[in-house]
């Protein structure tokens, strides 16, 4: 894999890394029951990159069809308002 998967949309407006899109350099997709953005954090400040250009740095959901060697192979990832990975799909 020579590229990382882009966060194509993020509706979690309460996340400190969401400033009209994901501004985290790279997020981790994890979660016990649901595939969620583990990078999600609620703070009174906004942080991350100066532009919305976030990517998936790691995926801990081994059962997802897009997971190859703990990396996301999807064309893009959408994150819901509750920080769920909407691109997640069970094998």
PDB file of N, CA and C in Angstrom:
ATOM      1  N   UNK A   1       0.845  -1.174   0.000  1.00  0.00           N
ATOM      2  CA  UNK A   1       0.000   0.000   0.000  1.00  0.00           C
ATOM      3  C   UNK A   1       0.892   1.239   0.000  1.00  0.00           C
ATOM      4  N   UNK A   2       0.716   2.103  -0.962  1.00  0.00           N
ATOM      5  CA  UNK A   2       1.564   3.284  -1.063  1.00  0.00           C
ATOM      6  C   UNK A   2       0.848   4.569  -0.650  1.00  0.00           C
ATOM      7  N   UNK A   3      -0.454   4.508  -0.392  1.00  0.00           N
ATOM      8  CA  UNK A   3      -1.190   5.685   0.039  1.00  0.00           C
ATOM      9  C   UNK A   3      -2.029   5.343   1.260  1.00  0.00           C
ATOM     10  N   UNK A   4      -2.476   6.360   1.968  1.00  0.00           N
ATOM     11  CA  UNK A   4      -3.373   6.156   3.095  1.00  0.00           C
ATOM     12  C   UNK A   4      -4.759   6.653   2.714  1.00  0.00           C
ATOM     13  N   UNK A   5      -5.761   6.051   3.318  1.00  0.00           N
ATOM     14  CA  UNK A   5      -7.149   6.359   2.997  1.00  0.00           C
ATOM     15  C   UNK A   5      -7.565   7.711   3.554  1.00  0.00           C
ATOM     16  N   UNK A   6      -8.166   8.531   2.725  1.00  0.00           N
ATOM     17  CA  UNK A   6      -8.617   9.860   3.146  1.00  0.00           C
ATOM     18  C   UNK A   6      -9.940   9.775   3.895  1.00  0.00           C
ATOM     19  N   UNK A   7     -10.142  10.679   4.833  1.00  0.00           N
ATOM     20  CA  UNK A   7     -11.434  10.858   5.475  1.00  0.00           C
ATOM     21  C   UNK A   7     -12.234  11.754   4.534  1.00  0.00           C
ATOM     22  N   UNK A   8     -13.201  11.174   3.835  1.00  0.00           N
ATOM     23  CA  UNK A   8     -13.946  11.945   2.840  1.00  0.00           C
ATOM     24  C   UNK A   8     -15.012  12.830   3.461  1.00  0.00           C
ATOM     25  N   UNK A   9     -15.530  12.429   4.629  1.00  0.00           N
ATOM     26  CA  UNK A   9     -16.471  13.289   5.345  1.00  0.00           C
ATOM     27  C   UNK A   9     -16.499  12.918   6.811  1.00  0.00           C
ATOM     28  N   UNK A  10     -16.717  13.916   7.650  1.00  0.00           N
ATOM     29  CA  UNK A  10     -16.857  13.700   9.087  1.00  0.00           C
ATOM     30  C   UNK A  10     -17.961  14.608   9.595  1.00  0.00           C
ATOM     31  N   UNK A  11     -19.009  14.006  10.131  1.00  0.00           N
ATOM     32  CA  UNK A  11     -20.153  14.759  10.640  1.00  0.00           C
ATOM     33  C   UNK A  11     -20.079  14.977  12.146  1.00  0.00           C
ATOM     34  N   UNK A  12     -18.988  14.567  12.774  1.00  0.00           N
ATOM     35  CA  UNK A  12     -18.837  14.715  14.219  1.00  0.00           C
ATOM     36  C   UNK A  12     -18.355  16.123  14.536  1.00  0.00           C
ATOM     37  N   UNK A  13     -19.261  17.078  14.506  1.00  0.00           N
ATOM     38  CA  UNK A  13     -18.890  18.485  14.678  1.00  0.00           C
ATOM     39  C   UNK A  13     -18.419  18.810  16.092  1.00  0.00           C
ATOM     40  N   UNK A  14     -18.687  17.948  17.070  1.00  0.00           N
ATOM     41  CA  UNK A  14     -18.219  18.197  18.438  1.00  0.00           C
ATOM     42  C   UNK A  14     -16.771  17.756  18.631  1.00  0.00           C
ATOM     43  N   UNK A  15     -16.172  17.133  17.632  1.00  0.00           N
ATOM     44  CA  UNK A  15     -14.780  16.688  17.733  1.00  0.00           C
ATOM     45  C   UNK A  15     -13.829  17.865  17.539  1.00  0.00           C
ATOM     46  N   UNK A  16     -12.802  17.929  18.362  1.00  0.00           N
ATOM     47  CA  UNK A  16     -11.814  19.012  18.275  1.00  0.00           C
ATOM     48  C   UNK A  16     -11.034  18.980  16.966  1.00  0.00           C
ATOM     49  N   UNK A  17     -11.046  17.846  16.275  1.00  0.00           N
ATOM     50  CA  UNK A  17     -10.347  17.725  15.000  1.00  0.00           C
ATOM     51  C   UNK A  17     -11.255  17.975  13.802  1.00  0.00           C
ATOM     52  N   UNK A  18     -12.502  18.371  14.031  1.00  0.00           N
ATOM     53  CA  UNK A  18     -13.396  18.648  12.915  1.00  0.00           C
ATOM     54  C   UNK A  18     -13.556  20.158  12.774  1.00  0.00           C
ATOM     55  N   UNK A  19     -13.025  20.688  11.700  1.00  0.00           N
ATOM     56  CA  UNK A  19     -13.149  22.105  11.364  1.00  0.00           C
ATOM     57  C   UNK A  19     -13.544  22.157   9.893  1.00  0.00           C
ATOM     58  N   UNK A  20     -14.832  21.951   9.636  1.00  0.00           N
ATOM     59  CA  UNK A  20     -15.363  21.814   8.278  1.00  0.00           C
ATOM     60  C   UNK A  20     -14.756  20.594   7.585  1.00  0.00           C
ATOM     61  N   UNK A  21     -14.512  19.551   8.339  1.00  0.00           N
ATOM     62  CA  UNK A  21     -13.896  18.316   7.868  1.00  0.00           C
ATOM     63  C   UNK A  21     -12.828  17.884   8.847  1.00  0.00           C
ATOM     64  N   UNK A  22     -12.275  16.701   8.652  1.00  0.00           N
ATOM     65  CA  UNK A  22     -11.287  16.157   9.581  1.00  0.00           C
ATOM     66  C   UNK A  22      -9.927  16.814   9.391  1.00  0.00           C
ATOM     67  N   UNK A  23      -9.417  17.419  10.472  1.00  0.00           N
ATOM     68  CA  UNK A  23      -8.109  18.073  10.418  1.00  0.00           C
ATOM     69  C   UNK A  23      -7.019  17.285  11.141  1.00  0.00           C
ATOM     70  N   UNK A  24      -7.360  16.076  11.632  1.00  0.00           N
ATOM     71  CA  UNK A  24      -6.329  15.223  12.238  1.00  0.00           C
ATOM     72  C   UNK A  24      -5.411  14.732  11.119  1.00  0.00           C
ATOM     73  N   UNK A  25      -4.131  14.647  11.390  1.00  0.00           N
ATOM     74  CA  UNK A  25      -3.199  14.139  10.378  1.00  0.00           C
ATOM     75  C   UNK A  25      -3.565  12.711  10.015  1.00  0.00           C
ATOM     76  N   UNK A  26      -3.846  11.897  11.048  1.00  0.00           N
ATOM     77  CA  UNK A  26      -4.257  10.510  10.836  1.00  0.00           C
ATOM     78  C   UNK A  26      -5.103  10.061  12.024  1.00  0.00           C
ATOM     79  N   UNK A  27      -6.192   9.374  11.746  1.00  0.00           N
ATOM     80  CA  UNK A  27      -7.060   8.860  12.802  1.00  0.00           C
ATOM     81  C   UNK A  27      -6.885   7.349  12.913  1.00  0.00           C
ATOM     82  N   UNK A  28      -7.304   6.809  14.050  1.00  0.00           N
ATOM     83  CA  UNK A  28      -7.343   5.368  14.269  1.00  0.00           C
ATOM     84  C   UNK A  28      -8.794   4.940  14.326  1.00  0.00           C
ATOM     85  N   UNK A  29      -9.133   3.916  13.573  1.00  0.00           N
ATOM     86  CA  UNK A  29     -10.463   3.335  13.639  1.00  0.00           C
ATOM     87  C   UNK A  29     -10.371   2.125  14.561  1.00  0.00           C
ATOM     88  N   UNK A  30     -11.189   2.114  15.608  1.00  0.00           N
ATOM     89  CA  UNK A  30     -11.152   1.046  16.605  1.00  0.00           C
ATOM     90  C   UNK A  30     -12.577   0.761  17.058  1.00  0.00           C
ATOM     91  N   UNK A  31     -12.778   0.593  18.349  1.00  0.00           N
ATOM     92  CA  UNK A  31     -14.101   0.375  18.911  1.00  0.00           C
ATOM     93  C   UNK A  31     -14.338  -1.064  19.293  1.00  0.00           C
ATOM     94  N   UNK A  32     -15.053  -1.254  20.395  1.00  0.00           N
ATOM     95  CA  UNK A  32     -15.351  -2.600  20.885  1.00  0.00           C
ATOM     96  C   UNK A  32     -16.575  -3.189  20.192  1.00  0.00           C
ATOM     97  N   UNK A  33     -17.670  -2.439  20.170  1.00  0.00           N
ATOM     98  CA  UNK A  33     -18.913  -2.937  19.581  1.00  0.00           C
ATOM     99  C   UNK A  33     -19.143  -2.415  18.169  1.00  0.00           C
ATOM    100  N   UNK A  34     -18.746  -1.188  17.932  1.00  0.00           N
ATOM    101  CA  UNK A  34     -18.906  -0.548  16.625  1.00  0.00           C
ATOM    102  C   UNK A  34     -17.556  -0.045  16.157  1.00  0.00           C
ATOM    103  N   UNK A  35     -17.391   0.062  14.853  1.00  0.00           N
ATOM    104  CA  UNK A  35     -16.171   0.652  14.306  1.00  0.00           C
ATOM    105  C   UNK A  35     -16.284   2.163  14.482  1.00  0.00           C
ATOM    106  N   UNK A  36     -15.452   2.718  15.337  1.00  0.00           N
ATOM    107  CA  UNK A  36     -15.518   4.146  15.634  1.00  0.00           C
ATOM    108  C   UNK A  36     -14.164   4.810  15.461  1.00  0.00           C
ATOM    109  N   UNK A  37     -14.203   6.118  15.324  1.00  0.00           N
ATOM    110  CA  UNK A  37     -12.978   6.917  15.244  1.00  0.00           C
ATOM    111  C   UNK A  37     -12.444   7.081  16.659  1.00  0.00           C
ATOM    112  N   UNK A  38     -11.341   6.414  16.973  1.00  0.00           N
ATOM    113  CA  UNK A  38     -10.747   6.476  18.306  1.00  0.00           C
ATOM    114  C   UNK A  38     -10.000   7.782  18.540  1.00  0.00           C
ATOM    115  N   UNK A  39      -9.821   8.580  17.509  1.00  0.00           N
ATOM    116  CA  UNK A  39      -9.143   9.867  17.624  1.00  0.00           C
ATOM    117  C   UNK A  39     -10.109  10.955  18.087  1.00  0.00           C
ATOM    118  N   UNK A  40     -11.409  10.680  18.035  1.00  0.00           N
ATOM    119  CA  UNK A  40     -12.442  11.625  18.452  1.00  0.00           C
ATOM    120  C   UNK A  40     -12.186  12.123  19.867  1.00  0.00           C
ATOM    121  N   UNK A  41     -12.247  13.445  20.049  1.00  0.00           N
ATOM    122  CA  UNK A  41     -12.106  14.055  21.368  1.00  0.00           C
ATOM    123  C   UNK A  41     -12.899  15.364  21.387  1.00  0.00           C
ATOM    124  N   UNK A  42     -13.621  15.574  22.464  1.00  0.00           N
ATOM    125  CA  UNK A  42     -14.391  16.808  22.623  1.00  0.00           C
ATOM    126  C   UNK A  42     -13.596  17.770  23.498  1.00  0.00           C
ATOM    127  N   UNK A  43     -13.241  18.906  22.947  1.00  0.00           N
ATOM    128  CA  UNK A  43     -12.525  19.955  23.669  1.00  0.00           C
ATOM    129  C   UNK A  43     -13.120  21.299  23.280  1.00  0.00           C
ATOM    130  N   UNK A  44     -12.788  22.330  24.033  1.00  0.00           N
ATOM    131  CA  UNK A  44     -13.248  23.674  23.709  1.00  0.00           C
ATOM    132  C   UNK A  44     -12.394  24.334  22.629  1.00  0.00           C
ATOM    133  N   UNK A  45     -11.386  23.643  22.155  1.00  0.00           N
ATOM    134  CA  UNK A  45     -10.489  24.193  21.137  1.00  0.00           C
ATOM    135  C   UNK A  45     -10.529  23.304  19.899  1.00  0.00           C
ATOM    136  N   UNK A  46     -10.110  23.851  18.774  1.00  0.00           N
ATOM    137  CA  UNK A  46      -9.953  23.091  17.533  1.00  0.00           C
ATOM    138  C   UNK A  46      -8.467  22.892  17.306  1.00  0.00           C
ATOM    139  N   UNK A  47      -8.116  21.729  16.746  1.00  0.00           N
ATOM    140  CA  UNK A  47      -6.705  21.440  16.532  1.00  0.00           C
ATOM    141  C   UNK A  47      -6.487  20.680  15.250  1.00  0.00           C
ATOM    142  N   UNK A  48      -5.258  20.267  15.050  1.00  0.00           N
ATOM    143  CA  UNK A  48      -4.907  19.492  13.868  1.00  0.00           C
ATOM    144  C   UNK A  48      -4.290  20.333  12.785  1.00  0.00           C
ATOM    145  N   UNK A  49      -4.430  19.862  11.562  1.00  0.00           N
ATOM    146  CA  UNK A  49      -3.876  20.536  10.392  1.00  0.00           C
ATOM    147  C   UNK A  49      -4.631  21.830  10.108  1.00  0.00           C
ATOM    148  N   UNK A  50      -4.036  22.754   9.392  1.00  0.00           N
ATOM    149  CA  UNK A  50      -4.736  24.000   9.060  1.00  0.00           C
ATOM    150  C   UNK A  50      -5.859  23.809   8.032  1.00  0.00           C
ATOM    151  N   UNK A  51      -5.903  22.656   7.374  1.00  0.00           N
ATOM    152  CA  UNK A  51      -6.952  22.348   6.394  1.00  0.00           C
ATOM    153  C   UNK A  51      -7.524  20.966   6.700  1.00  0.00           C
ATOM    154  N   UNK A  52      -8.742  20.720   6.244  1.00  0.00           N
ATOM    155  CA  UNK A  52      -9.372  19.415   6.430  1.00  0.00           C
ATOM    156  C   UNK A  52      -8.784  18.424   5.445  1.00  0.00           C
ATOM    157  N   UNK A  53      -7.802  17.656   5.895  1.00  0.00           N
ATOM    158  CA  UNK A  53      -7.102  16.714   5.031  1.00  0.00           C
ATOM    159  C   UNK A  53      -6.720  15.456   5.807  1.00  0.00           C
ATOM    160  N   UNK A  54      -7.627  14.986   6.691  1.00  0.00           N
ATOM    161  CA  UNK A  54      -7.336  13.844   7.542  1.00  0.00           C
ATOM    162  C   UNK A  54      -7.322  12.525   6.788  1.00  0.00           C
ATOM    163  N   UNK A  55      -6.638  11.554   7.347  1.00  0.00           N
ATOM    164  CA  UNK A  55      -6.512  10.218   6.771  1.00  0.00           C
ATOM    165  C   UNK A  55      -6.662   9.161   7.855  1.00  0.00           C
ATOM    166  N   UNK A  56      -6.846   7.916   7.446  1.00  0.00           N
ATOM    167  CA  UNK A  56      -6.878   6.802   8.381  1.00  0.00           C
ATOM    168  C   UNK A  56      -5.459   6.300   8.542  1.00  0.00           C
ATOM    169  N   UNK A  57      -4.903   6.448   9.732  1.00  0.00           N
ATOM    170  CA  UNK A  57      -3.541   5.996   9.979  1.00  0.00           C
ATOM    171  C   UNK A  57      -3.477   4.526  10.329  1.00  0.00           C
ATOM    172  N   UNK A  58      -4.503   4.042  11.042  1.00  0.00           N
ATOM    173  CA  UNK A  58      -4.538   2.639  11.459  1.00  0.00           C
ATOM    174  C   UNK A  58      -5.981   2.192  11.605  1.00  0.00           C
ATOM    175  N   UNK A  59      -6.212   0.920  11.347  1.00  0.00           N
ATOM    176  CA  UNK A  59      -7.537   0.337  11.554  1.00  0.00           C
ATOM    177  C   UNK A  59      -7.384  -0.924  12.389  1.00  0.00           C
ATOM    178  N   UNK A  60      -8.047  -0.931  13.537  1.00  0.00           N
ATOM    179  CA  UNK A  60      -7.960  -2.066  14.444  1.00  0.00           C
ATOM    180  C   UNK A  60      -9.120  -3.046  14.281  1.00  0.00           C
ATOM    181  N   UNK A  61      -9.966  -2.827  13.281  1.00  0.00           N
ATOM    182  CA  UNK A  61     -11.113  -3.704  13.050  1.00  0.00           C
ATOM    183  C   UNK A  61     -10.739  -4.771  12.017  1.00  0.00           C
ATOM    184  N   UNK A  62     -10.170  -5.867  12.490  1.00  0.00           N
ATOM    185  CA  UNK A  62      -9.663  -6.926  11.617  1.00  0.00           C
ATOM    186  C   UNK A  62     -10.736  -7.550  10.738  1.00  0.00           C
ATOM    187  N   UNK A  63     -11.995  -7.551  11.196  1.00  0.00           N
ATOM    188  CA  UNK A  63     -13.077  -8.191  10.449  1.00  0.00           C
ATOM    189  C   UNK A  63     -13.612  -7.322   9.312  1.00  0.00           C
ATOM    190  N   UNK A  64     -13.123  -6.106   9.168  1.00  0.00           N
ATOM    191  CA  UNK A  64     -13.590  -5.224   8.102  1.00  0.00           C
ATOM    192  C   UNK A  64     -12.972  -5.630   6.761  1.00  0.00           C
ATOM    193  N   UNK A  65     -13.785  -5.613   5.718  1.00  0.00           N
ATOM    194  CA  UNK A  65     -13.294  -6.002   4.392  1.00  0.00           C
ATOM    195  C   UNK A  65     -12.218  -5.053   3.863  1.00  0.00           C
ATOM    196  N   UNK A  66     -12.162  -3.858   4.415  1.00  0.00           N
ATOM    197  CA  UNK A  66     -11.193  -2.862   3.955  1.00  0.00           C
ATOM    198  C   UNK A  66      -9.876  -2.911   4.736  1.00  0.00           C
ATOM    199  N   UNK A  67      -9.763  -3.832   5.695  1.00  0.00           N
ATOM    200  CA  UNK A  67      -8.566  -3.914   6.528  1.00  0.00           C
ATOM    201  C   UNK A  67      -7.563  -4.875   5.913  1.00  0.00           C
ATOM    202  N   UNK A  68      -6.362  -4.375   5.647  1.00  0.00           N
ATOM    203  CA  UNK A  68      -5.254  -5.199   5.163  1.00  0.00           C
ATOM    204  C   UNK A  68      -4.018  -4.814   5.973  1.00  0.00           C
ATOM    205  N   UNK A  69      -3.560  -5.724   6.792  1.00  0.00           N
ATOM    206  CA  UNK A  69      -2.373  -5.477   7.620  1.00  0.00           C
ATOM    207  C   UNK A  69      -2.558  -4.259   8.525  1.00  0.00           C
ATOM    208  N   UNK A  70      -3.767  -4.116   9.087  1.00  0.00           N
ATOM    209  CA  UNK A  70      -4.132  -3.030  10.007  1.00  0.00           C
ATOM    210  C   UNK A  70      -4.177  -1.654   9.335  1.00  0.00           C
ATOM    211  N   UNK A  71      -4.251  -1.643   8.016  1.00  0.00           N
ATOM    212  CA  UNK A  71      -4.383  -0.408   7.248  1.00  0.00           C
ATOM    213  C   UNK A  71      -5.705  -0.446   6.489  1.00  0.00           C
ATOM    214  N   UNK A  72      -6.309   0.715   6.292  1.00  0.00           N
ATOM    215  CA  UNK A  72      -7.572   0.806   5.562  1.00  0.00           C
ATOM    216  C   UNK A  72      -7.295   0.884   4.064  1.00  0.00           C
ATOM    217  N   UNK A  73      -8.002   0.053   3.297  1.00  0.00           N
ATOM    218  CA  UNK A  73      -7.820   0.042   1.849  1.00  0.00           C
ATOM    219  C   UNK A  73      -9.017   0.633   1.107  1.00  0.00           C
ATOM    220  N   UNK A  74      -9.991   1.175   1.836  1.00  0.00           N
ATOM    221  CA  UNK A  74     -11.166   1.780   1.198  1.00  0.00           C
ATOM    222  C   UNK A  74     -10.741   3.011   0.399  1.00  0.00           C
ATOM    223  N   UNK A  75     -11.521   3.357  -0.593  1.00  0.00           N
ATOM    224  CA  UNK A  75     -11.229   4.543  -1.402  1.00  0.00           C
ATOM    225  C   UNK A  75     -11.325   5.817  -0.563  1.00  0.00           C
ATOM    226  N   UNK A  76     -12.190   5.816   0.415  1.00  0.00           N
ATOM    227  CA  UNK A  76     -12.369   6.944   1.322  1.00  0.00           C
ATOM    228  C   UNK A  76     -13.224   6.482   2.486  1.00  0.00           C
ATOM    229  N   UNK A  77     -13.166   7.200   3.593  1.00  0.00           N
ATOM    230  CA  UNK A  77     -13.915   6.831   4.789  1.00  0.00           C
ATOM    231  C   UNK A  77     -14.816   7.993   5.187  1.00  0.00           C
ATOM    232  N   UNK A  78     -16.051   7.646   5.541  1.00  0.00           N
ATOM    233  CA  UNK A  78     -17.016   8.613   6.056  1.00  0.00           C
ATOM    234  C   UNK A  78     -17.249   8.325   7.533  1.00  0.00           C
ATOM    235  N   UNK A  79     -17.239   9.379   8.346  1.00  0.00           N
ATOM    236  CA  UNK A  79     -17.454   9.269   9.784  1.00  0.00           C
ATOM    237  C   UNK A  79     -18.777   9.945  10.130  1.00  0.00           C
ATOM    238  N   UNK A  80     -19.625   9.256  10.919  1.00  0.00           N
ATOM    239  CA  UNK A  80     -20.943   9.787  11.268  1.00  0.00           C
ATOM    240  C   UNK A  80     -20.854  10.814  12.392  1.00  0.00           C
ATOM    241  N   UNK A  81     -21.989  11.425  12.713  1.00  0.00           N
ATOM    242  CA  UNK A  81     -22.028  12.413  13.794  1.00  0.00           C
ATOM    243  C   UNK A  81     -21.735  11.800  15.158  1.00  0.00           C
ATOM    244  N   UNK A  82     -21.870  10.479  15.294  1.00  0.00           N
ATOM    245  CA  UNK A  82     -21.545   9.800  16.557  1.00  0.00           C
ATOM    246  C   UNK A  82     -20.171   9.122  16.487  1.00  0.00           C
ATOM    247  N   UNK A  83     -19.339   9.525  15.551  1.00  0.00           N
ATOM    248  CA  UNK A  83     -17.956   9.057  15.348  1.00  0.00           C
ATOM    249  C   UNK A  83     -17.866   7.621  14.850  1.00  0.00           C
ATOM    250  N   UNK A  84     -18.945   7.058  14.312  1.00  0.00           N
ATOM    251  CA  UNK A  84     -18.905   5.715  13.734  1.00  0.00           C
ATOM    252  C   UNK A  84     -18.315   5.766  12.327  1.00  0.00           C
ATOM    253  N   UNK A  85     -17.551   4.748  11.985  1.00  0.00           N
ATOM    254  CA  UNK A  85     -17.006   4.622  10.636  1.00  0.00           C
ATOM    255  C   UNK A  85     -18.113   4.059   9.743  1.00  0.00           C
ATOM    256  N   UNK A  86     -18.640   4.870   8.854  1.00  0.00           N
ATOM    257  CA  UNK A  86     -19.737   4.453   7.980  1.00  0.00           C
ATOM    258  C   UNK A  86     -19.258   3.577   6.821  1.00  0.00           C
ATOM    259  N   UNK A  87     -17.964   3.499   6.601  1.00  0.00           N
ATOM    260  CA  UNK A  87     -17.404   2.694   5.528  1.00  0.00           C
ATOM    261  C   UNK A  87     -17.137   1.261   5.991  1.00  0.00           C
ATOM    262  N   UNK A  88     -17.134   1.049   7.282  1.00  0.00           N
ATOM    263  CA  UNK A  88     -16.904  -0.261   7.888  1.00  0.00           C
ATOM    264  C   UNK A  88     -17.861  -1.299   7.305  1.00  0.00           C
ATOM    265  N   UNK A  89     -17.303  -2.449   6.954  1.00  0.00           N
ATOM    266  CA  UNK A  89     -18.106  -3.530   6.369  1.00  0.00           C
ATOM    267  C   UNK A  89     -17.497  -4.866   6.801  1.00  0.00           C
ATOM    268  N   UNK A  90     -18.308  -5.728   7.389  1.00  0.00           N
ATOM    269  CA  UNK A  90     -17.833  -7.017   7.886  1.00  0.00           C
ATOM    270  C   UNK A  90     -17.581  -7.968   6.726  1.00  0.00           C
ATOM    271  N   UNK A  91     -16.513  -8.718   6.824  1.00  0.00           N
ATOM    272  CA  UNK A  91     -16.164  -9.718   5.795  1.00  0.00           C
ATOM    273  C   UNK A  91     -17.258 -10.746   5.671  1.00  0.00           C
TER     274      UNK A  91
END
